[in-house]
Amino acid sequence: MLRIALLILLSQATVLELLAQPMSRRRPDLIPLNGQAKRIGWFVGPGITYTLPRFKNTEEEVFRNDSLRYLATYDPSGKLGLYLEAGATWYTRDPVIIDYLDLGVAYKNFRGAESYTGTLLRGDTVAPLVGEGYFAERLLTLAFNANKFFPTDDYQFVQLSLGANADLRLGSEYSHTGDAFLNKHAFPPDVIAQAHVKVGYGFKVTGRMLVIPAIETPFFSVVPQDQGFGQLQWFSSRYRPLILSVRFLFLRARNGFDCPPPIKHNELERGRKVYKPDSYHP
């Protein structure tokens, strides 16, 4: 499953790279590292979350034994939550595969609801059941990403990111009128570990700031055990977590963005070697 996701991401990256090739001139550098910007920067990003439910509800047999049979139709619905991230970035010297790495922390809030109608059959007795519930999760997240730019125009680009996140529950709220045992309620654990993918479209708005609106979703869960390409279960339904954010990426200037002086060579080296200025100054 993880291999398939990586192959899909790499194929998308290859297509975007081909589309982004300049026809007649070299595009300006989005992150100028040759004597202008430091390799370590920082970012902040506000956003919202959404718990995407399935698109179609069907009646399912939840429980059966020799004397009982329980049928139910669950109707999940997603809700919006808050999101805020901040962290540090590290820009690579030769961005052939990866333009920058980032490590950050985030607060995220997942919210949603579920209602259901059920039928409990016992012999010739039929008992209709109904219920509804609501959940809210408050999580502290540690996230790592590898990011690649694909220029589409001067100072505009597509960003593809592949990363991992570990979430720690800060608090939660669950409320449901249905029977938890009969409806097989389940919830994410206190610690969640997932791999995720992110796609964004960015703009370089000033010499030192890039703005990148993006959408992120997990594609594989390590904890809890994956149940459907990163989906998580609340009550009796699975939801796909989505994060829509706007990242503000800040570059740190070195010496007012003045290029460093060239390296001076001695007489033996003159004419025989060519050196590039060392742009590594975190």
Protein backbone atom coordinates (compact mmCIF):
# COMPACT_ATOMS: atom_id res chain seq x y z
CA MET A 1 0.00 0.00 0.00
CA LEU A 2 2.82 2.40 0.92
CA ARG A 3 4.71 1.43 -2.23
CA ILE A 4 1.66 2.19 -4.38
CA ALA A 5 1.25 5.63 -2.80
CA LEU A 6 4.93 6.44 -3.38
CA LEU A 7 4.72 5.33 -7.02
CA ILE A 8 1.66 7.54 -7.57
CA LEU A 9 3.40 10.52 -6.00
CA LEU A 10 6.57 10.01 -8.05
CA SER A 11 4.59 9.65 -11.28
CA GLN A 12 2.74 12.90 -10.56
CA ALA A 13 6.05 14.56 -9.80
CA THR A 14 7.51 13.39 -13.12
CA VAL A 15 4.55 14.74 -15.09
CA LEU A 16 4.71 18.09 -13.31
CA GLU A 17 8.47 18.28 -13.88
CA LEU A 18 7.99 17.77 -17.62
CA LEU A 19 5.24 20.37 -17.77
CA ALA A 20 7.32 22.82 -15.80
CA GLN A 21 10.41 22.69 -18.03
CA PRO A 22 11.24 26.19 -19.37
CA MET A 23 10.86 26.60 -23.09
CA SER A 24 13.24 29.45 -23.82
CA ARG A 25 14.77 30.77 -20.59
CA ARG A 26 15.63 29.74 -17.06
CA ARG A 27 13.07 30.71 -14.45
CA PRO A 28 14.23 32.78 -11.47
CA ASP A 29 15.16 30.85 -8.35
CA LEU A 30 12.36 30.57 -5.82
CA ILE A 31 14.88 30.15 -3.01
CA PRO A 32 18.20 31.84 -3.93
CA LEU A 33 20.87 30.06 -1.90
CA ASN A 34 23.98 31.20 -3.77
CA GLY A 35 25.08 33.85 -1.32
CA GLN A 36 21.64 35.38 -0.73
CA ALA A 37 19.47 33.33 1.63
CA LYS A 38 20.38 31.20 4.61
CA ARG A 39 19.59 27.53 4.42
CA ILE A 40 17.47 27.54 7.56
CA GLY A 41 14.16 29.43 7.63
CA TRP A 42 10.81 29.18 9.32
CA PHE A 43 7.09 29.01 8.60
CA VAL A 44 3.65 29.53 10.08
CA GLY A 45 0.35 28.34 8.67
CA PRO A 46 -3.26 28.85 9.76
CA GLY A 47 -5.98 26.64 8.36
CA ILE A 48 -9.04 24.51 8.90
CA THR A 49 -9.71 20.78 9.17
CA TYR A 50 -12.58 18.72 7.84
CA THR A 51 -13.59 15.12 8.53
CA LEU A 52 -14.73 13.83 5.15
CA PRO A 53 -17.37 11.06 5.47
CA ARG A 54 -18.30 8.46 2.89
CA PHE A 55 -20.53 9.62 0.06
CA LYS A 56 -23.15 6.84 0.20
CA ASN A 57 -24.86 5.15 3.14
CA THR A 58 -26.13 1.57 2.98
CA GLU A 59 -27.87 -0.67 5.47
CA GLU A 60 -25.50 -3.19 7.05
CA GLU A 61 -25.83 -6.17 9.33
CA VAL A 62 -24.01 -5.18 12.49
CA PHE A 63 -24.79 -8.12 14.76
CA ARG A 64 -26.24 -11.62 14.50
CA ASN A 65 -26.50 -14.67 16.74
CA ASP A 66 -28.96 -17.53 17.22
CA SER A 67 -31.72 -15.31 18.58
CA LEU A 68 -30.85 -11.72 17.61
CA ARG A 69 -30.19 -9.83 14.42
CA TYR A 70 -29.35 -6.13 14.23
CA LEU A 71 -29.44 -4.03 11.04
CA ALA A 72 -28.43 -0.37 10.90
CA THR A 73 -27.81 2.50 8.50
CA TYR A 74 -25.21 5.00 9.72
CA ASP A 75 -25.17 8.56 8.41
CA PRO A 76 -21.86 10.33 9.22
CA SER A 77 -21.32 14.03 8.59
CA GLY A 78 -18.13 16.06 8.68
CA LYS A 79 -17.55 19.36 10.44
CA LEU A 80 -14.92 22.08 10.27
CA GLY A 81 -12.21 22.49 12.91
CA LEU A 82 -9.25 24.76 13.65
CA TYR A 83 -5.65 24.26 12.55
CA LEU A 84 -2.41 26.16 13.22
CA GLU A 85 1.17 25.12 12.42
CA ALA A 86 4.65 26.56 12.90
CA GLY A 87 8.17 25.25 12.49
CA ALA A 88 11.59 25.39 10.86
CA THR A 89 12.69 24.73 7.27
CA TRP A 90 15.96 23.50 5.82
CA TYR A 91 16.66 24.27 2.14
CA THR A 92 18.78 21.83 0.14
CA ARG A 93 21.83 23.03 -1.79
CA ASP A 94 21.04 21.02 -4.93
CA PRO A 95 17.23 20.78 -5.17
CA VAL A 96 17.06 18.05 -7.78
CA ILE A 97 14.72 15.77 -5.83
CA ILE A 98 13.84 17.81 -2.72
CA ASP A 99 13.72 21.60 -2.41
CA TYR A 100 13.33 21.77 1.35
CA LEU A 101 12.58 19.79 4.49
CA ASP A 102 10.44 21.03 7.34
CA LEU A 103 9.82 20.04 10.94
CA GLY A 104 7.00 21.63 12.87
CA VAL A 105 4.33 21.41 15.52
CA ALA A 106 0.62 22.02 15.01
CA TYR A 107 -2.67 22.20 16.84
CA LYS A 108 -5.58 20.56 15.07
CA ASN A 109 -9.20 20.02 15.93
CA PHE A 110 -11.25 17.23 14.33
CA ARG A 111 -15.02 17.43 14.63
CA GLY A 112 -17.93 15.44 13.22
CA ALA A 113 -21.31 13.86 13.82
CA GLU A 114 -23.18 10.62 13.19
CA SER A 115 -26.83 9.61 13.22
CA TYR A 116 -28.30 6.20 12.60
CA THR A 117 -31.49 4.21 12.21
CA GLY A 118 -31.52 0.56 13.19
CA THR A 119 -33.77 -2.47 13.46
CA LEU A 120 -33.35 -5.08 16.18
CA LEU A 121 -35.04 -8.40 15.36
CA ARG A 122 -35.68 -11.10 17.94
CA GLY A 123 -37.89 -13.88 16.68
CA ASP A 124 -41.09 -12.21 15.50
CA THR A 125 -40.35 -9.02 17.48
CA VAL A 126 -39.08 -5.97 15.60
CA ALA A 127 -37.73 -2.98 17.56
CA PRO A 128 -36.78 0.22 15.68
CA LEU A 129 -33.80 2.14 17.09
CA VAL A 130 -32.53 5.65 16.36
CA GLY A 131 -29.66 7.71 17.72
CA GLU A 132 -27.19 10.47 17.01
CA GLY A 133 -23.84 11.61 18.28
CA TYR A 134 -21.14 14.25 18.09
CA PHE A 135 -17.36 14.15 18.56
CA ALA A 136 -14.54 16.66 18.90
CA GLU A 137 -10.81 15.93 19.16
CA ARG A 138 -8.04 18.35 20.17
CA LEU A 139 -4.60 17.15 19.05
CA LEU A 140 -1.00 18.32 19.30
CA THR A 141 0.95 17.24 16.21
CA LEU A 142 4.62 16.79 15.39
CA ALA A 143 5.08 16.65 11.60
CA PHE A 144 7.97 16.19 9.17
CA ASN A 145 7.78 16.81 5.40
CA ALA A 146 9.96 16.52 2.31
CA ASN A 147 8.85 19.13 -0.25
CA LYS A 148 9.42 19.61 -3.97
CA PHE A 149 8.66 22.67 -6.13
CA PHE A 150 7.51 22.44 -9.76
CA PRO A 151 7.57 25.96 -11.28
CA THR A 152 4.58 26.84 -13.46
CA ASP A 153 5.37 30.53 -14.04
CA ASP A 154 7.76 33.16 -12.73
CA TYR A 155 7.39 33.00 -8.93
CA GLN A 156 4.52 30.48 -9.08
CA PHE A 157 4.79 26.75 -8.47
CA VAL A 158 3.11 23.49 -7.52
CA GLN A 159 4.36 21.98 -4.27
CA LEU A 160 4.21 18.23 -3.62
CA SER A 161 4.99 17.01 -0.11
CA LEU A 162 5.38 13.61 1.48
CA GLY A 163 5.58 13.39 5.25
CA ALA A 164 4.75 11.77 8.55
CA ASN A 165 2.88 12.99 11.61
CA ALA A 166 2.51 11.88 15.23
CA ASP A 167 -0.57 13.19 17.05
CA LEU A 168 -1.09 13.36 20.81
CA ARG A 169 -4.61 13.80 22.13
CA LEU A 170 -4.98 16.88 24.33
CA GLY A 171 -8.68 16.40 24.97
CA SER A 172 -11.85 15.01 23.46
CA GLU A 173 -15.62 15.19 23.68
CA TYR A 174 -17.95 12.34 22.71
CA SER A 175 -21.72 12.37 22.96
CA HIS A 176 -24.03 9.70 21.50
CA THR A 177 -27.55 8.53 22.32
CA GLY A 178 -27.09 5.06 20.79
CA ASP A 179 -25.91 1.89 22.47
CA ALA A 180 -22.10 1.82 22.21
CA PHE A 181 -21.79 -1.99 22.40
CA LEU A 182 -24.57 -2.77 19.96
CA ASN A 183 -23.28 -0.24 17.41
CA LYS A 184 -19.61 -1.23 17.88
CA HIS A 185 -18.36 2.27 18.66
CA ALA A 186 -14.61 2.82 18.25
CA PHE A 187 -12.32 5.86 18.49
CA PRO A 188 -8.72 6.75 17.61
CA PRO A 189 -6.12 6.03 20.34
CA ASP A 190 -4.44 8.73 22.42
CA VAL A 191 -1.40 8.62 20.09
CA ILE A 192 -1.84 8.52 16.29
CA ALA A 193 1.00 7.92 13.79
CA GLN A 194 0.39 8.34 10.05
CA ALA A 195 2.04 9.02 6.71
CA HIS A 196 0.48 11.83 4.70
CA VAL A 197 0.63 13.58 1.34
CA LYS A 198 0.14 17.28 0.65
CA VAL A 199 -0.48 19.21 -2.58
CA GLY A 200 -0.31 23.00 -2.83
CA TYR A 201 0.00 25.90 -5.25
CA GLY A 202 2.38 28.62 -4.13
CA PHE A 203 3.43 32.17 -4.91
CA LYS A 204 6.60 34.07 -4.12
CA VAL A 205 5.11 37.39 -3.02
CA THR A 206 8.29 39.13 -1.80
CA GLY A 207 11.99 38.42 -1.85
CA ARG A 208 11.76 36.76 1.53
CA MET A 209 8.27 35.23 1.70
CA LEU A 210 6.39 32.48 -0.14
CA VAL A 211 2.67 31.81 0.34
CA ILE A 212 1.47 28.23 -0.26
CA PRO A 213 -2.22 27.23 0.04
CA ALA A 214 -2.35 23.43 0.31
CA ILE A 215 -4.52 20.43 1.13
CA GLU A 216 -3.22 17.49 3.18
CA THR A 217 -4.58 14.04 3.97
CA PRO A 218 -3.11 10.84 5.45
CA PHE A 219 -2.74 7.83 3.17
CA PHE A 220 -1.51 5.23 5.66
CA SER A 221 -1.94 4.72 9.42
CA VAL A 222 0.68 3.03 11.57
CA VAL A 223 -1.25 3.65 14.80
CA PRO A 224 -4.09 2.70 14.82
CA GLN A 225 -3.84 -0.15 12.32
CA ASP A 226 -4.77 1.16 8.89
CA GLN A 227 -8.43 0.64 7.99
CA GLY A 228 -8.65 2.38 4.66
CA PHE A 229 -5.79 4.55 3.38
CA GLY A 230 -5.50 6.73 6.48
CA GLN A 231 -9.16 6.94 7.50
CA LEU A 232 -10.03 7.12 11.21
CA GLN A 233 -13.11 5.77 12.97
CA TRP A 234 -15.38 7.71 15.30
CA PHE A 235 -18.48 5.92 16.62
CA SER A 236 -19.54 3.48 13.86
CA SER A 237 -18.22 5.37 10.81
CA ARG A 238 -14.88 6.14 9.20
CA TYR A 239 -13.82 9.63 8.21
CA ARG A 240 -10.97 10.95 6.09
CA PRO A 241 -9.09 13.79 7.85
CA LEU A 242 -8.43 16.76 5.57
CA ILE A 243 -6.30 19.81 6.39
CA LEU A 244 -6.60 22.97 4.30
CA SER A 245 -3.88 25.45 5.24
CA VAL A 246 -2.04 28.52 3.98
CA ARG A 247 1.67 28.28 4.73
CA PHE A 248 3.74 31.47 5.01
CA LEU A 249 7.32 30.43 4.25
CA PHE A 250 9.97 32.94 5.38
CA LEU A 251 13.53 33.13 4.07
CA ARG A 252 16.31 34.50 6.26
CA ALA A 253 18.53 36.96 4.42
CA ARG A 254 22.30 36.91 4.79
CA ASN A 255 24.05 40.29 4.69
CA GLY A 256 21.07 42.02 3.14
CA PHE A 257 20.95 39.47 0.30
CA ASP A 258 24.43 40.51 -0.88
CA CYS A 259 26.48 37.77 -2.48
CA PRO A 260 29.57 36.77 -0.50
CA PRO A 261 32.96 37.80 -1.90
CA PRO A 262 34.58 35.35 -4.31
CA ILE A 263 37.20 32.94 -3.01
CA LYS A 264 40.77 34.10 -3.64
CA HIS A 265 43.13 31.50 -5.08
CA ASN A 266 46.88 31.28 -4.67
CA GLU A 267 49.23 31.27 -7.61
CA LEU A 268 49.37 27.47 -7.89
CA GLU A 269 45.60 27.20 -8.05
CA ARG A 270 45.03 30.12 -10.38
CA GLY A 271 43.80 28.97 -13.75
CA ARG A 272 43.55 25.33 -12.74
CA LYS A 273 40.59 25.12 -10.35
CA VAL A 274 37.21 26.73 -10.22
CA TYR A 275 35.51 27.09 -6.85
CA LYS A 276 31.94 27.90 -6.06
CA PRO A 277 31.20 30.09 -3.04
CA ASP A 278 30.09 28.06 -0.05
CA SER A 279 26.47 28.97 0.56
CA TYR A 280 26.07 26.83 3.66
CA HIS A 281 25.47 29.26 6.52
CA PRO A 282 22.59 28.04 8.67
